[in-house]
């Protein structure tokens, strides 16, 4: 039996499990189909069970209505695994050809919505870490949310150090986590430098807005702490420099956009004279160092005409395949096999596992089912983001976290136009956390960056 006043065991286990899951996803989930993904998915399933159990047994921890949004992405693979009438199964042109080929071999098709049942089941399990962190964070109070955001920034800092070490050690370094990677580039815990750049972009608003909000709160409480402010500025400078060193064109552009979008959040704070100086100094020093140390590499990356990049061809072929698979799609996880039938120019040694445009790939895999779920999530995120940006009833910490999360989600949505960041467990789980940060903390009290002064 727990002592009087002590929370139940399930409550005490929930936050450490969520924190461990986030950390493991960021460290082990930078590739695809690895054992680390399986570990994260198993922990996510346990966290979902604990969260739902707590919601049913603790009236103060009941999940808000926003929790139902977690069913939208799960509904797509679940529905695709169901059987459908043969007449519906044969509607897509591509399936008529498949049916004819199977008939020649004396086989009958399994009339399920998806053409790739194993891939669709994998996609369903793939979503668990994001759903788990989304649901659990909805139950957490403001201080617990702040700690999760701090874990994300801390792991990003470790990844930057690892990325610098990878650059220093050369392309044959043992510091790369994956065999299929970008040798000679800083990739951190990821297999792909563009995905590492995504992590840096997501962390940048938290560092900029968080440092400014913390400094602003310290000034209001008349507790100046210059050393901590300098540390925050230094981390912002390091983030900007790391983005330049990674050499991702999309990452660099999105990083500059994230800085620009962070400015209104900083300028909206009271007593922001000092915070404006902090932000200006951090951005100025970061850009100066980026030009000093990484300008040549940046120019080399921009010398290539983006329109010559093969990813635009992949998008066109994906949309062409989607036309033949309409209106059902291939099913989640069916992209690679469907794409191979249309990609006749790539060498046999080239392995194309994604369209490098997540919207085109989702359209091929899920058609209108995925589109409706995605539009509903975008609409819900837009409404929550608008409310979070205009929020006046929460403390400094709540506003800062919500605004940084909104910018991060917007950057992920933009990056998905030319890449597939959400196809990694690390960034997908982070997206689940950011989505939950748009809502109010579960408890009525609002924790600020500094304790409120005692009354009396």
Protein backbone atom coordinates (compact mmCIF):
# COMPACT_ATOMS: atom_id res chain seq x y z
CA UNK A 1 0.00 0.00 0.00
CA UNK A 2 1.39 3.49 -0.83
CA UNK A 3 1.97 5.93 1.99
CA UNK A 4 -0.62 8.63 2.63
CA UNK A 5 -0.30 11.44 0.09
CA UNK A 6 1.90 9.35 -2.20
CA UNK A 7 0.63 8.93 -5.78
CA UNK A 8 -0.17 5.40 -6.98
CA UNK A 9 2.58 3.33 -8.55
CA UNK A 10 1.07 3.64 -12.02
CA UNK A 11 1.28 7.44 -11.78
CA UNK A 12 4.88 7.34 -10.57
CA UNK A 13 5.89 5.01 -13.40
CA UNK A 14 4.25 6.95 -16.21
CA UNK A 15 6.57 9.95 -16.48
CA UNK A 16 9.87 8.01 -16.19
CA UNK A 17 8.58 5.61 -18.85
CA UNK A 18 7.64 8.51 -21.15
CA UNK A 19 11.01 10.19 -20.58
CA UNK A 20 12.85 6.93 -21.26
CA UNK A 21 10.79 6.31 -24.39
CA UNK A 22 11.55 9.78 -25.78
CA UNK A 23 15.27 9.41 -25.08
CA UNK A 24 15.45 5.94 -26.62
CA UNK A 25 13.51 7.03 -29.69
CA UNK A 26 15.92 9.91 -30.26
CA UNK A 27 18.99 7.70 -29.81
CA UNK A 28 17.87 4.40 -31.37
CA UNK A 29 15.16 5.52 -33.80
CA UNK A 30 17.17 7.37 -36.43
CA UNK A 31 16.99 4.62 -39.04
CA UNK A 32 14.29 2.26 -40.21
CA UNK A 33 13.51 -1.35 -39.37
CA UNK A 34 16.19 -1.78 -36.70
CA UNK A 35 16.07 -3.56 -33.36
CA UNK A 36 16.01 -0.13 -31.69
CA UNK A 37 12.67 0.56 -33.37
CA UNK A 38 11.27 -2.63 -31.87
CA UNK A 39 12.43 -1.65 -28.37
CA UNK A 40 10.77 1.77 -28.72
CA UNK A 41 7.54 0.25 -30.00
CA UNK A 42 7.35 -2.23 -27.12
CA UNK A 43 7.87 0.54 -24.54
CA UNK A 44 5.29 2.66 -26.36
CA UNK A 45 2.68 -0.09 -26.09
CA UNK A 46 3.34 -0.30 -22.33
CA UNK A 47 3.07 3.48 -21.96
CA UNK A 48 -0.25 3.52 -23.83
CA UNK A 49 -1.63 0.86 -21.47
CA UNK A 50 -0.47 2.81 -18.39
CA UNK A 51 -1.90 6.06 -19.73
CA UNK A 52 -5.32 4.58 -20.54
CA UNK A 53 -5.41 2.76 -17.22
CA UNK A 54 -4.62 5.95 -15.36
CA UNK A 55 -7.29 7.81 -17.33
CA UNK A 56 -9.90 5.23 -16.28
CA UNK A 57 -8.87 4.94 -12.62
CA UNK A 58 -7.95 8.55 -11.76
CA UNK A 59 -10.65 11.16 -12.31
CA UNK A 60 -8.09 13.99 -12.16
CA UNK A 61 -6.04 12.38 -14.96
CA UNK A 62 -8.85 11.66 -17.43
CA UNK A 63 -7.75 12.29 -21.00
CA UNK A 64 -9.15 15.39 -22.72
CA UNK A 65 -11.21 15.26 -25.90
CA UNK A 66 -8.05 15.93 -27.94
CA UNK A 67 -6.95 12.37 -27.13
CA UNK A 68 -9.41 11.08 -29.74
CA UNK A 69 -7.16 12.58 -32.42
CA UNK A 70 -4.77 9.69 -31.80
CA UNK A 71 -7.31 7.37 -33.42
CA UNK A 72 -7.10 9.14 -36.79
CA UNK A 73 -3.63 7.90 -37.87
CA UNK A 74 -4.33 4.47 -36.34
CA UNK A 75 -7.61 4.16 -38.23
CA UNK A 76 -5.90 4.23 -41.64
CA UNK A 77 -3.87 0.99 -41.32
CA UNK A 78 -6.61 -0.69 -39.27
CA UNK A 79 -9.20 -0.11 -42.00
CA UNK A 80 -6.75 -1.10 -44.74
CA UNK A 81 -6.27 -4.50 -43.12
CA UNK A 82 -9.99 -5.31 -43.47
CA UNK A 83 -11.34 -7.43 -46.33
CA UNK A 84 -13.30 -5.68 -49.08
CA UNK A 85 -15.74 -6.96 -51.75
CA UNK A 86 -14.09 -8.24 -54.91
CA UNK A 87 -15.84 -5.60 -57.00
CA UNK A 88 -14.30 -2.86 -54.87
CA UNK A 89 -10.91 -4.57 -54.83
CA UNK A 90 -10.86 -4.61 -58.65
CA UNK A 91 -11.68 -0.91 -59.07
CA UNK A 92 -8.05 0.33 -59.43
CA UNK A 93 -6.50 -0.22 -62.85
CA UNK A 94 -3.32 -1.61 -61.30
CA UNK A 95 -5.27 -4.27 -59.39
CA UNK A 96 -6.96 -5.48 -62.53
CA UNK A 97 -3.52 -6.15 -63.98
CA UNK A 98 -2.44 -7.88 -60.75
CA UNK A 99 -5.57 -10.03 -60.81
CA UNK A 100 -4.88 -11.09 -64.40
CA UNK A 101 -1.31 -12.06 -63.53
CA UNK A 102 -2.46 -14.05 -60.50
CA UNK A 103 -5.09 -15.82 -62.60
CA UNK A 104 -2.40 -16.93 -65.07
CA UNK A 105 -0.56 -18.48 -62.13
CA UNK A 106 -3.72 -20.16 -60.87
CA UNK A 107 -3.95 -17.98 -57.76
CA UNK A 108 -6.70 -15.85 -56.27
CA UNK A 109 -5.99 -12.47 -54.65
CA UNK A 110 -6.55 -11.93 -50.95
CA UNK A 111 -9.29 -9.31 -51.23
CA UNK A 112 -8.05 -6.98 -48.53
CA UNK A 113 -7.98 -3.22 -48.89
CA UNK A 114 -4.16 -3.24 -48.70
CA UNK A 115 -1.90 -4.95 -51.20
CA UNK A 116 0.86 -5.20 -48.59
CA UNK A 117 -0.65 -6.60 -45.35
CA UNK A 118 2.72 -7.05 -43.64
CA UNK A 119 3.78 -3.50 -44.52
CA UNK A 120 0.48 -2.12 -43.27
CA UNK A 121 0.79 -4.02 -39.99
CA UNK A 122 4.32 -2.64 -39.65
CA UNK A 123 3.01 0.89 -40.28
CA UNK A 124 0.41 0.41 -37.54
CA UNK A 125 3.06 -0.61 -35.02
CA UNK A 126 5.30 2.20 -36.29
CA UNK A 127 2.81 4.79 -35.05
CA UNK A 128 2.82 3.58 -31.43
CA UNK A 129 5.66 5.78 -30.03
CA UNK A 130 4.05 8.97 -31.36
CA UNK A 131 0.62 7.98 -30.04
CA UNK A 132 2.07 7.00 -26.66
CA UNK A 133 3.94 10.28 -26.14
CA UNK A 134 0.94 12.28 -27.37
CA UNK A 135 -1.49 10.63 -24.94
CA UNK A 136 0.89 10.61 -21.97
CA UNK A 137 1.89 14.27 -22.43
CA UNK A 138 -1.79 15.26 -22.42
CA UNK A 139 -1.92 13.95 -18.84
CA UNK A 140 1.29 15.61 -17.65
CA UNK A 141 1.45 18.88 -15.76
CA UNK A 142 3.47 21.87 -16.91
CA UNK A 143 6.65 20.93 -15.07
CA UNK A 144 6.67 17.40 -16.48
CA UNK A 145 6.15 18.79 -19.98
CA UNK A 146 9.06 21.18 -19.52
CA UNK A 147 11.28 18.27 -18.51
CA UNK A 148 10.34 16.32 -21.64
CA UNK A 149 11.19 19.33 -23.80
CA UNK A 150 14.49 19.65 -21.91
CA UNK A 151 15.27 15.98 -22.64
CA UNK A 152 14.71 16.61 -26.34
CA UNK A 153 17.06 19.62 -26.33
CA UNK A 154 19.66 17.76 -24.22
CA UNK A 155 19.74 14.75 -26.56
CA UNK A 156 20.02 17.14 -29.50
CA UNK A 157 23.05 18.72 -27.86
CA UNK A 158 24.65 15.28 -27.44
CA UNK A 159 23.85 14.56 -31.10
CA UNK A 160 25.64 17.77 -32.14
CA UNK A 161 28.76 16.69 -30.26
CA UNK A 162 28.51 13.26 -31.92
CA UNK A 163 28.08 14.90 -35.33
CA UNK A 164 31.21 17.01 -34.88
CA UNK A 165 33.11 13.87 -33.85
CA UNK A 166 31.84 12.08 -36.97
CA UNK A 167 33.13 14.91 -39.16
CA UNK A 168 36.49 14.86 -37.41
CA UNK A 169 36.86 11.06 -37.65
CA UNK A 170 36.14 10.88 -41.38
CA UNK A 171 33.84 8.76 -43.55
CA UNK A 172 35.12 5.43 -42.20
CA UNK A 173 34.41 6.36 -38.59
CA UNK A 174 32.90 3.77 -36.25
CA UNK A 175 30.75 6.59 -34.82
CA UNK A 176 28.14 6.15 -37.55
CA UNK A 177 25.19 4.15 -36.25
CA UNK A 178 24.01 2.77 -39.60
CA UNK A 179 25.61 1.05 -42.59
CA UNK A 180 23.41 2.99 -45.04
CA UNK A 181 24.24 6.56 -44.10
CA UNK A 182 25.90 9.76 -45.35
CA UNK A 183 29.60 9.04 -44.71
CA UNK A 184 31.71 12.12 -44.21
CA UNK A 185 28.72 14.14 -42.99
CA UNK A 186 27.41 14.91 -39.52
CA UNK A 187 24.33 12.72 -39.00
CA UNK A 188 24.19 12.44 -35.20
CA UNK A 189 22.04 9.47 -34.19
CA UNK A 190 20.42 9.32 -37.64
CA UNK A 191 21.21 7.51 -40.86
CA UNK A 192 20.40 10.58 -42.94
CA UNK A 193 21.87 14.07 -42.57
CA UNK A 194 18.57 15.65 -43.64
CA UNK A 195 16.79 13.98 -40.73
CA UNK A 196 19.49 15.17 -38.34
CA UNK A 197 18.94 18.66 -39.73
CA UNK A 198 15.22 18.22 -38.96
CA UNK A 199 16.04 17.48 -35.33
CA UNK A 200 18.19 20.61 -35.13
CA UNK A 201 15.42 22.71 -36.68
CA UNK A 202 12.86 21.35 -34.18
CA UNK A 203 15.13 22.12 -31.24
CA UNK A 204 15.97 25.66 -32.38
CA UNK A 205 12.62 27.31 -31.41
CA UNK A 206 12.73 25.63 -28.00
CA UNK A 207 16.22 27.04 -27.40
CA UNK A 208 15.45 30.55 -28.68
CA UNK A 209 11.96 30.99 -27.21
CA UNK A 210 12.80 29.04 -24.06
CA UNK A 211 15.91 31.10 -23.30
CA UNK A 212 14.07 34.35 -23.93
CA UNK A 213 11.06 33.31 -21.81
CA UNK A 214 13.27 32.11 -18.97
CA UNK A 215 15.32 35.32 -19.00
CA UNK A 216 12.15 37.39 -19.12
CA UNK A 217 10.73 35.52 -16.13
CA UNK A 218 13.96 35.98 -14.20
CA UNK A 219 13.87 39.73 -14.83
CA UNK A 220 10.25 39.98 -13.68
CA UNK A 221 11.17 38.14 -10.48
CA UNK A 222 14.28 40.35 -10.12
CA UNK A 223 16.53 37.30 -10.10
CA UNK A 224 19.03 37.94 -12.89
CA UNK A 225 21.20 34.95 -13.79
CA UNK A 226 23.53 36.09 -16.53
CA UNK A 227 25.52 32.87 -16.73
CA UNK A 228 22.44 30.80 -17.54
CA UNK A 229 21.36 33.34 -20.14
CA UNK A 230 24.80 33.15 -21.74
CA UNK A 231 24.52 29.34 -21.71
CA UNK A 232 21.20 29.57 -23.55
CA UNK A 233 22.70 31.95 -26.10
CA UNK A 234 25.64 29.62 -26.55
CA UNK A 235 23.33 26.68 -27.22
CA UNK A 236 21.43 28.72 -29.82
CA UNK A 237 24.73 29.63 -31.51
CA UNK A 238 25.77 25.96 -31.48
CA UNK A 239 22.44 24.92 -33.03
CA UNK A 240 22.82 27.42 -35.90
CA UNK A 241 26.44 26.44 -36.52
CA UNK A 242 25.51 22.73 -36.48
CA UNK A 243 22.82 23.32 -39.08
CA UNK A 244 25.43 24.85 -41.38
CA UNK A 245 27.91 22.05 -40.76
CA UNK A 246 25.37 19.31 -41.53
CA UNK A 247 25.14 20.57 -45.12
CA UNK A 248 21.43 20.03 -45.65
CA UNK A 249 19.94 22.63 -48.00
CA UNK A 250 16.41 22.07 -46.68
CA UNK A 251 17.63 22.05 -43.09
CA UNK A 252 19.47 25.33 -43.48
CA UNK A 253 16.49 27.05 -45.14
CA UNK A 254 14.04 25.71 -42.55
CA UNK A 255 16.41 26.72 -39.75
CA UNK A 256 16.40 30.32 -40.93
CA UNK A 257 12.60 30.19 -41.22
CA UNK A 258 12.34 28.77 -37.69
CA UNK A 259 14.41 31.68 -36.40
CA UNK A 260 12.18 34.17 -38.21
CA UNK A 261 9.02 32.54 -36.81
CA UNK A 262 10.48 32.55 -33.29
CA UNK A 263 10.87 36.35 -33.37
CA UNK A 264 7.15 37.17 -32.84
CA UNK A 265 7.02 34.83 -29.83
CA UNK A 266 9.99 36.61 -28.28
CA UNK A 267 8.77 40.12 -29.10
CA UNK A 268 5.33 39.36 -27.61
CA UNK A 269 6.86 38.93 -24.14
CA UNK A 270 6.69 41.64 -21.56
CA UNK A 271 9.94 43.36 -20.59
CA UNK A 272 11.44 42.00 -23.75
CA UNK A 273 14.18 44.62 -24.20
CA UNK A 274 16.81 42.31 -22.75
CA UNK A 275 15.42 39.27 -24.52
CA UNK A 276 15.56 41.01 -27.89
CA UNK A 277 19.24 41.70 -27.32
CA UNK A 278 19.80 38.06 -26.31
CA UNK A 279 18.14 36.77 -29.45
CA UNK A 280 19.92 39.24 -31.71
CA UNK A 281 23.33 38.39 -30.27
CA UNK A 282 22.73 34.62 -30.45
CA UNK A 283 21.51 34.70 -34.05
CA UNK A 284 24.20 37.15 -35.15
CA UNK A 285 27.06 35.16 -33.61
CA UNK A 286 25.61 31.89 -34.93
CA UNK A 287 25.37 33.19 -38.48
CA UNK A 288 28.85 34.74 -38.29
CA UNK A 289 30.39 31.45 -37.17
CA UNK A 290 28.40 29.55 -39.80
CA UNK A 291 29.80 31.76 -42.55
CA UNK A 292 33.30 31.54 -41.03
CA UNK A 293 33.45 27.75 -40.69
CA UNK A 294 30.91 26.31 -43.11
CA UNK A 295 30.45 28.75 -46.01
CA UNK A 296 32.43 26.71 -48.52
CA UNK A 297 30.46 23.54 -47.79
CA UNK A 298 27.16 25.44 -47.96
CA UNK A 299 28.04 26.93 -51.36
CA UNK A 300 29.02 23.49 -52.65
CA UNK A 301 25.63 22.13 -51.65
CA UNK A 302 23.82 25.00 -53.39
CA UNK A 303 25.89 24.74 -56.59
CA UNK A 304 23.73 21.81 -57.70
CA UNK A 305 20.46 22.80 -59.34
CA UNK A 306 17.69 21.57 -57.01
CA UNK A 307 15.52 20.75 -60.06
CA UNK A 308 18.11 18.17 -61.12
CA UNK A 309 17.68 16.34 -57.85
CA UNK A 310 16.22 12.88 -58.39
CA UNK A 311 13.66 13.37 -55.65
CA UNK A 312 11.49 15.43 -58.01
CA UNK A 313 11.45 12.52 -60.42
CA UNK A 314 10.47 10.19 -57.56
CA UNK A 315 7.54 12.46 -56.72
CA UNK A 316 6.31 12.47 -60.32
CA UNK A 317 6.54 8.68 -60.58
CA UNK A 318 4.76 8.29 -57.23
CA UNK A 319 1.87 10.45 -58.41
CA UNK A 320 1.72 8.49 -61.66
CA UNK A 321 1.53 5.22 -59.71
CA UNK A 322 -1.11 6.71 -57.41
CA UNK A 323 -3.29 7.42 -60.44
CA UNK A 324 -3.30 3.73 -61.39
CA UNK A 325 -3.94 2.62 -57.79
CA UNK A 326 -6.85 5.03 -57.21
CA UNK A 327 -9.15 5.07 -55.33
CA UNK A 328 -7.86 2.50 -52.79
CA UNK A 329 -4.10 3.00 -52.88
CA UNK A 330 -1.54 0.29 -52.25
CA UNK A 331 -1.96 0.27 -48.50
CA UNK A 332 0.56 1.71 -46.05
CA UNK A 333 3.91 0.04 -46.58
CA UNK A 334 3.19 -0.76 -50.21
CA UNK A 335 5.15 2.11 -51.75
CA UNK A 336 8.38 0.35 -52.65
CA UNK A 337 6.86 -2.50 -54.69
CA UNK A 338 4.42 -0.18 -56.45
CA UNK A 339 7.16 2.36 -57.22
CA UNK A 340 9.50 -0.25 -58.72
CA UNK A 341 6.98 -0.94 -61.49
CA UNK A 342 7.25 2.68 -62.67
CA UNK A 343 10.94 3.36 -62.00
CA UNK A 344 12.78 1.93 -64.99
CA UNK A 345 15.64 4.43 -65.18
CA UNK A 346 17.30 4.01 -61.77
CA UNK A 347 20.31 1.64 -61.64
CA UNK A 348 19.75 -1.78 -60.08
CA UNK A 349 22.09 -0.81 -57.24
CA UNK A 350 19.92 2.16 -56.22
CA UNK A 351 17.45 1.38 -53.43
CA UNK A 352 14.40 3.68 -53.42
CA UNK A 353 12.42 3.09 -50.23
CA UNK A 354 10.52 6.39 -50.10
CA UNK A 355 9.22 9.06 -52.45
CA UNK A 356 11.16 11.91 -50.79
CA UNK A 357 7.79 13.67 -50.62
CA UNK A 358 5.67 12.29 -47.82
CA UNK A 359 2.47 13.75 -49.20
CA UNK A 360 2.95 12.02 -52.55
CA UNK A 361 3.81 8.75 -50.83
CA UNK A 362 0.78 8.94 -48.54
CA UNK A 363 -1.41 9.64 -51.56
CA UNK A 364 -0.06 6.52 -53.26
CA UNK A 365 -0.40 4.37 -50.13
CA UNK A 366 -3.67 5.66 -48.69
CA UNK A 367 -5.48 7.80 -51.27
CA UNK A 368 -8.63 9.46 -49.88
CA UNK A 369 -8.59 7.53 -46.61
CA UNK A 370 -5.14 8.87 -45.71
CA UNK A 371 -5.98 12.29 -47.16
CA UNK A 372 -9.09 12.68 -44.98
CA UNK A 373 -7.22 11.59 -41.85
CA UNK A 374 -4.32 13.92 -42.68
CA UNK A 375 -6.58 16.89 -43.39
CA UNK A 376 -8.45 16.31 -40.13
CA UNK A 377 -5.16 16.26 -38.21
CA UNK A 378 -3.95 19.40 -39.99
CA UNK A 379 -7.21 21.19 -39.20
CA UNK A 380 -7.10 20.14 -35.55
CA UNK A 381 -3.45 21.15 -35.33
CA UNK A 382 -4.20 24.50 -36.96
CA UNK A 383 -6.99 25.29 -34.48
CA UNK A 384 -4.88 24.15 -31.52
CA UNK A 385 -1.91 26.13 -32.80
CA UNK A 386 -3.98 29.29 -33.23
CA UNK A 387 -5.31 28.95 -29.69
CA UNK A 388 -1.83 28.20 -28.35
CA UNK A 389 -0.33 31.25 -30.07
CA UNK A 390 -3.05 33.54 -28.69
CA UNK A 391 -3.08 31.90 -25.27
CA UNK A 392 -3.28 34.38 -22.41
CA UNK A 393 -4.53 32.22 -19.56
CA UNK A 394 -1.37 30.15 -19.14
CA UNK A 395 1.99 30.81 -17.53
CA UNK A 396 5.13 31.87 -19.33
CA UNK A 397 6.30 28.29 -19.62
CA UNK A 398 3.07 27.03 -21.19
CA UNK A 399 3.05 29.74 -23.84
CA UNK A 400 6.71 29.25 -24.67
CA UNK A 401 6.39 25.47 -25.06
CA UNK A 402 3.20 25.72 -27.12
CA UNK A 403 4.64 28.32 -29.51
CA UNK A 404 7.91 26.45 -29.96
CA UNK A 405 5.95 23.23 -30.59
CA UNK A 406 3.78 24.95 -33.20
CA UNK A 407 6.83 26.21 -35.09
CA UNK A 408 8.41 22.75 -34.91
CA UNK A 409 5.33 21.02 -36.32
CA UNK A 410 5.14 23.58 -39.13
CA UNK A 411 8.80 22.88 -40.01
CA UNK A 412 8.12 19.13 -40.11
CA UNK A 413 5.16 19.70 -42.42
CA UNK A 414 7.31 21.80 -44.76
CA UNK A 415 10.25 19.39 -44.69
CA UNK A 416 7.90 16.55 -45.65
CA UNK A 417 7.43 18.25 -49.04
CA UNK A 418 10.96 17.23 -50.03
CA UNK A 419 11.85 14.39 -47.68
CA UNK A 420 10.40 11.82 -45.27
CA UNK A 421 11.34 12.94 -41.73
CA UNK A 422 8.28 11.31 -40.14
CA UNK A 423 9.37 7.91 -41.48
CA UNK A 424 11.87 7.74 -38.60
CA UNK A 425 10.76 6.73 -35.11
CA UNK A 426 12.84 9.57 -33.63
CA UNK A 427 11.09 12.42 -35.44
CA UNK A 428 7.66 10.77 -35.45
CA UNK A 429 7.78 10.37 -31.66
CA UNK A 430 8.94 13.96 -31.31
CA UNK A 431 5.98 15.06 -33.44
CA UNK A 432 3.64 13.28 -31.02
CA UNK A 433 5.20 15.18 -28.12
CA UNK A 434 4.97 18.52 -29.94
CA UNK A 435 1.31 17.94 -30.83
CA UNK A 436 0.45 17.40 -27.16
CA UNK A 437 2.35 20.54 -26.12
CA UNK A 438 -0.17 22.62 -28.08
CA UNK A 439 -2.83 21.84 -25.46
CA UNK A 440 -3.11 23.14 -21.91
CA UNK A 441 -1.44 21.07 -19.18
CA UNK A 442 -3.76 18.62 -17.45
CA UNK A 443 -3.68 20.37 -14.07
CA UNK A 444 -5.15 23.73 -13.26
CA UNK A 445 -1.97 25.22 -11.90
CA UNK A 446 0.45 26.85 -14.33
CA UNK A 447 4.13 26.51 -13.53
CA UNK A 448 6.31 29.41 -14.66
CA UNK A 449 10.05 29.34 -15.23
CA UNK A 450 10.54 30.76 -11.75
CA UNK A 451 8.47 30.22 -8.59
CA UNK A 452 5.88 32.88 -7.86
CA UNK A 453 6.90 35.20 -5.01
CA UNK A 454 5.43 34.33 -1.63
CA UNK A 455 2.42 36.32 -0.53
CA UNK A 456 2.13 38.13 2.72
